[in-house]
Amino acid sequence: MAQIISRAELEAHFPDKDNAILSPAGLANLLGLKVKTIYVWIADGRLDGCFRKRGKHNLIWRDKALDRIFNGPQWQ
């Protein structure tokens, strides 16, 4: 399956390398979504491999998550 968005295009649209690890609120803000949407995606397994739970907090690797969202498997 061909990538929909290349790594270079992702970096061009989301250049801030200082925020490589985001909270669900940070990812929601970056994508213009509601925070609840990110939590639903986590619960449904759509972001598996893109986040780590530390205590009560979810830490999301921004680049992995963006790649998974834009180039990952098609969601129903």
C-alpha atoms as a PDB file:
ATOM      1  CA  MET A   1       0.000   0.000   0.000  1.00  0.00           C
ATOM      2  CA  ALA A   2       1.419   3.371  -1.008  1.00  0.00           C
ATOM      3  CA  GLN A   3       1.752   6.084   1.569  1.00  0.00           C
ATOM      4  CA  ILE A   4      -0.877   8.774   1.402  1.00  0.00           C
ATOM      5  CA  ILE A   5       1.399  11.402   2.926  1.00  0.00           C
ATOM      6  CA  SER A   6       5.180  11.052   2.839  1.00  0.00           C
ATOM      7  CA  ARG A   7       7.441  11.639   5.843  1.00  0.00           C
ATOM      8  CA  ALA A   8       8.724  14.854   4.216  1.00  0.00           C
ATOM      9  CA  GLU A   9       5.176  16.160   3.775  1.00  0.00           C
ATOM     10  CA  LEU A  10       4.353  15.370   7.405  1.00  0.00           C
ATOM     11  CA  GLU A  11       7.460  17.227   8.570  1.00  0.00           C
ATOM     12  CA  ALA A  12       6.583  20.189   6.346  1.00  0.00           C
ATOM     13  CA  HIS A  13       3.077  20.475   7.805  1.00  0.00           C
ATOM     14  CA  PHE A  14       4.079  19.692  11.413  1.00  0.00           C
ATOM     15  CA  PRO A  15       7.629  21.086  11.762  1.00  0.00           C
ATOM     16  CA  ASP A  16       7.801  21.626  15.552  1.00  0.00           C
ATOM     17  CA  LYS A  17      10.372  19.036  16.668  1.00  0.00           C
ATOM     18  CA  ASP A  18      10.370  20.352  20.253  1.00  0.00           C
ATOM     19  CA  ASN A  19       6.996  18.712  20.891  1.00  0.00           C
ATOM     20  CA  ALA A  20       7.869  15.150  19.881  1.00  0.00           C
ATOM     21  CA  ILE A  21       5.811  13.748  22.771  1.00  0.00           C
ATOM     22  CA  LEU A  22       2.270  15.036  23.197  1.00  0.00           C
ATOM     23  CA  SER A  23      -0.642  14.597  25.541  1.00  0.00           C
ATOM     24  CA  PRO A  24      -3.987  13.604  24.018  1.00  0.00           C
ATOM     25  CA  ALA A  25      -4.992  17.271  24.320  1.00  0.00           C
ATOM     26  CA  GLY A  26      -1.859  18.310  22.422  1.00  0.00           C
ATOM     27  CA  LEU A  27      -2.531  15.861  19.585  1.00  0.00           C
ATOM     28  CA  ALA A  28      -6.174  16.938  19.436  1.00  0.00           C
ATOM     29  CA  ASN A  29      -5.098  20.575  19.236  1.00  0.00           C
ATOM     30  CA  LEU A  30      -2.560  19.780  16.516  1.00  0.00           C
ATOM     31  CA  LEU A  31      -5.187  18.001  14.402  1.00  0.00           C
ATOM     32  CA  GLY A  32      -8.090  20.316  15.218  1.00  0.00           C
ATOM     33  CA  LEU A  33     -10.086  17.551  16.893  1.00  0.00           C
ATOM     34  CA  LYS A  34     -11.777  17.117  20.247  1.00  0.00           C
ATOM     35  CA  VAL A  35      -9.766  15.468  23.018  1.00  0.00           C
ATOM     36  CA  LYS A  36     -12.495  12.869  23.377  1.00  0.00           C
ATOM     37  CA  THR A  37     -11.785  11.718  19.804  1.00  0.00           C
ATOM     38  CA  ILE A  38      -8.163  10.945  20.706  1.00  0.00           C
ATOM     39  CA  TYR A  39      -9.239   8.954  23.767  1.00  0.00           C
ATOM     40  CA  VAL A  40     -11.738   7.005  21.646  1.00  0.00           C
ATOM     41  CA  TRP A  41      -8.986   6.216  19.118  1.00  0.00           C
ATOM     42  CA  ILE A  42      -6.735   5.002  21.949  1.00  0.00           C
ATOM     43  CA  ALA A  43      -9.522   2.826  23.369  1.00  0.00           C
ATOM     44  CA  ASP A  44     -10.316   1.395  19.922  1.00  0.00           C
ATOM     45  CA  GLY A  45      -6.651   0.532  19.304  1.00  0.00           C
ATOM     46  CA  ARG A  46      -6.226   2.961  16.435  1.00  0.00           C
ATOM     47  CA  LEU A  47      -3.098   4.456  17.997  1.00  0.00           C
ATOM     48  CA  ASP A  48      -1.521   1.199  19.199  1.00  0.00           C
ATOM     49  CA  GLY A  49       2.244   1.528  19.121  1.00  0.00           C
ATOM     50  CA  CYS A  50       2.019   5.321  19.107  1.00  0.00           C
ATOM     51  CA  PHE A  51       1.510   5.985  22.802  1.00  0.00           C
ATOM     52  CA  ARG A  52       2.606   4.859  26.246  1.00  0.00           C
ATOM     53  CA  LYS A  53       0.554   5.014  29.401  1.00  0.00           C
ATOM     54  CA  ARG A  54       2.430   6.341  32.440  1.00  0.00           C
ATOM     55  CA  GLY A  55       0.231   6.229  35.494  1.00  0.00           C
ATOM     56  CA  LYS A  56      -2.897   8.142  34.565  1.00  0.00           C
ATOM     57  CA  HIS A  57      -1.229   9.899  31.639  1.00  0.00           C
ATOM     58  CA  ASN A  58      -1.000   8.921  27.981  1.00  0.00           C
ATOM     59  CA  LEU A  59       2.183  10.050  26.235  1.00  0.00           C
ATOM     60  CA  ILE A  60       1.833  10.090  22.453  1.00  0.00           C
ATOM     61  CA  TRP A  61       4.782  10.051  20.049  1.00  0.00           C
ATOM     62  CA  ARG A  62       3.755  12.746  17.609  1.00  0.00           C
ATOM     63  CA  ASP A  63       5.515  11.463  14.485  1.00  0.00           C
ATOM     64  CA  LYS A  64       4.360   7.860  14.961  1.00  0.00           C
ATOM     65  CA  ALA A  65       0.797   8.986  15.611  1.00  0.00           C
ATOM     66  CA  LEU A  66       0.668  11.257  12.558  1.00  0.00           C
ATOM     67  CA  ASP A  67       2.110   8.521  10.366  1.00  0.00           C
ATOM     68  CA  ARG A  68      -0.442   6.038  11.725  1.00  0.00           C
ATOM     69  CA  ILE A  69      -3.344   8.466  11.302  1.00  0.00           C
ATOM     70  CA  PHE A  70      -2.497   9.476   7.743  1.00  0.00           C
ATOM     71  CA  ASN A  71      -0.824   6.310   6.408  1.00  0.00           C
ATOM     72  CA  GLY A  72      -2.088   3.546   8.663  1.00  0.00           C
ATOM     73  CA  PRO A  73      -4.834   1.019   8.036  1.00  0.00           C
ATOM     74  CA  GLN A  74      -8.181   2.273   6.845  1.00  0.00           C
ATOM     75  CA  TRP A  75     -10.651   2.775   9.677  1.00  0.00           C
ATOM     76  CA  GLN A  76     -14.286   1.790   9.530  1.00  0.00           C
END
